Protein backbone atom coordinates (compact mmCIF):
# COMPACT_ATOMS: atom_id res chain seq x y z
CA VAL A 1 149.26 -338.62 197.14
CA GLN A 2 145.97 -336.69 196.95
CA LEU A 3 144.28 -334.12 194.65
CA VAL A 4 142.34 -331.29 195.96
CA GLU A 5 140.61 -329.49 193.18
CA SER A 6 138.42 -326.07 193.87
CA GLY A 7 137.14 -323.14 191.81
CA GLY A 8 134.04 -324.95 189.92
CA GLY A 9 130.50 -323.49 190.33
CA LEU A 10 127.55 -321.83 188.26
CA VAL A 11 128.76 -319.24 185.70
CA GLN A 12 126.70 -317.68 182.97
CA PRO A 13 127.39 -317.88 179.48
CA GLY A 14 130.44 -315.77 178.46
CA GLY A 15 131.66 -315.53 182.06
CA SER A 16 135.10 -316.96 183.19
CA LEU A 17 136.24 -319.41 185.96
CA ARG A 18 139.47 -320.55 187.46
CA LEU A 19 139.96 -324.12 188.34
CA SER A 20 142.79 -325.28 190.99
CA CYS A 21 144.10 -328.60 191.79
CA ALA A 22 146.81 -328.97 194.47
CA ALA A 23 148.66 -332.37 194.96
CA THR A 24 149.29 -333.28 198.71
CA GLY A 25 151.72 -336.19 199.57
CA SER A 26 155.66 -337.36 199.23
CA ILE A 27 155.94 -336.49 195.26
CA PHE A 28 159.91 -337.00 193.88
CA SER A 29 158.95 -335.47 190.72
CA ILE A 30 156.00 -334.28 188.49
CA ASP A 31 155.94 -335.52 184.99
CA VAL A 32 152.43 -334.18 183.61
CA MET A 33 149.75 -332.33 185.10
CA GLY A 34 146.25 -332.10 183.35
CA TRP A 35 142.58 -331.16 182.82
CA TYR A 36 139.76 -333.92 181.93
CA ARG A 37 135.81 -333.38 181.85
CA GLN A 38 132.89 -335.66 181.61
CA ALA A 39 129.66 -334.31 180.87
CA PRO A 40 126.77 -336.39 181.59
CA GLY A 41 126.06 -339.37 179.44
CA LYS A 42 129.55 -338.54 177.41
CA GLU A 43 133.15 -340.22 178.03
CA ARG A 44 135.52 -338.20 180.05
CA GLU A 45 137.69 -336.25 177.64
CA LEU A 46 140.89 -334.32 177.48
CA VAL A 47 140.87 -330.60 178.24
CA ALA A 48 144.45 -329.74 178.63
CA THR A 49 147.62 -331.04 179.79
CA ILE A 50 151.07 -329.16 180.85
CA THR A 51 154.45 -331.22 181.41
CA ASN A 52 157.01 -330.21 183.48
CA ARG A 53 158.83 -328.32 181.16
CA GLY A 54 155.79 -325.95 180.58
CA VAL A 55 154.76 -327.69 177.09
CA THR A 56 151.05 -327.50 177.03
CA ASN A 57 148.53 -329.46 175.02
CA TYR A 58 144.89 -328.35 174.59
CA ALA A 59 141.97 -329.87 172.78
CA ASP A 60 140.52 -328.35 169.66
CA PHE A 61 137.41 -327.30 171.31
CA VAL A 62 139.14 -325.13 173.82
CA LYS A 63 139.72 -322.79 170.80
CA GLY A 64 141.97 -320.61 172.82
CA ARG A 65 139.37 -319.71 175.54
CA PHE A 66 140.98 -321.86 178.45
CA THR A 67 144.47 -321.58 179.69
CA ILE A 68 146.37 -324.31 181.75
CA SER A 69 149.04 -323.22 184.03
CA SER A 70 151.34 -324.62 186.96
CA ASP A 71 153.51 -324.32 189.85
CA LEU A 72 155.69 -327.03 190.16
CA ALA A 73 156.86 -325.80 193.79
CA LYS A 74 153.17 -325.56 194.96
CA LYS A 75 152.06 -328.99 193.15
CA THR A 76 149.41 -327.15 191.58
CA VAL A 77 147.80 -326.79 188.26
CA TYR A 78 145.53 -323.99 187.08
CA LEU A 79 142.83 -323.97 184.55
CA GLN A 80 141.69 -320.42 183.46
CA MET A 81 138.34 -320.81 181.76
CA ASN A 82 137.18 -317.81 179.64
CA SER A 83 134.24 -317.16 177.03
CA LEU A 84 132.15 -320.10 178.66
CA GLU A 85 129.51 -321.87 176.92
CA PRO A 86 126.86 -323.84 178.01
CA GLU A 87 128.67 -327.02 176.38
CA ASP A 88 131.31 -326.45 178.58
CA THR A 89 129.02 -327.94 181.42
CA ALA A 90 130.69 -331.12 182.92
CA VAL A 91 132.54 -332.20 185.61
CA TYR A 92 136.12 -331.35 185.50
CA TYR A 93 138.86 -333.80 187.32
CA CYS A 94 142.67 -332.98 187.22
CA LYS A 95 145.18 -336.04 186.91
CA LEU A 96 148.57 -336.17 187.57
CA ASN A 97 151.48 -338.25 186.46
CA TRP A 98 154.40 -338.24 189.06
CA ARG A 99 156.85 -340.17 190.43
CA PRO A 100 157.55 -341.91 194.14
CA THR A 101 160.96 -342.79 192.90
CA LEU A 102 162.72 -341.80 189.43
CA ILE A 103 162.03 -345.23 188.09
CA SER A 104 158.21 -345.41 189.04
CA LEU A 105 155.36 -343.40 187.45
CA TYR A 106 151.71 -343.28 188.83
CA ASP A 107 148.52 -341.75 187.72
CA THR A 108 145.90 -340.18 190.36
CA TRP A 109 142.88 -338.11 189.73
CA GLY A 110 141.04 -335.76 191.71
CA GLN A 111 137.74 -335.89 192.84
CA GLY A 112 136.24 -333.76 190.23
CA THR A 113 134.88 -330.28 190.30
CA GLN A 114 131.19 -329.25 188.81
CA VAL A 115 131.27 -326.59 186.12
CA THR A 116 127.68 -325.28 185.08
CA VAL A 117 127.48 -322.66 182.37
CA SER A 118 123.84 -321.43 182.29
CA SER A 119 121.84 -318.14 182.26
């Protein structure tokens, strides 16, 4: 299973971006899909997650600015980011908790996509 991310780039403060992450390969089921980020010199941190039942969880710094959604049929997770701030500059990674069989569970990370917020 591989994850292909897209949608990063350069945006001015106050702007918006939409990240996408699509999984390819054989998947029996998906448990959780999520987005994390890592800024230079900092540890990777959780941004948002969504379960296969649509239950979402957000980091406090999101403050209602970001929205995570998913399309399980397409094995894709999205992150709509609004009101972006320079502090949001980081490499954004998607992560998939998935099952090749009912009793096995794996984590897979995407390659990361750069988001830069600057005027």
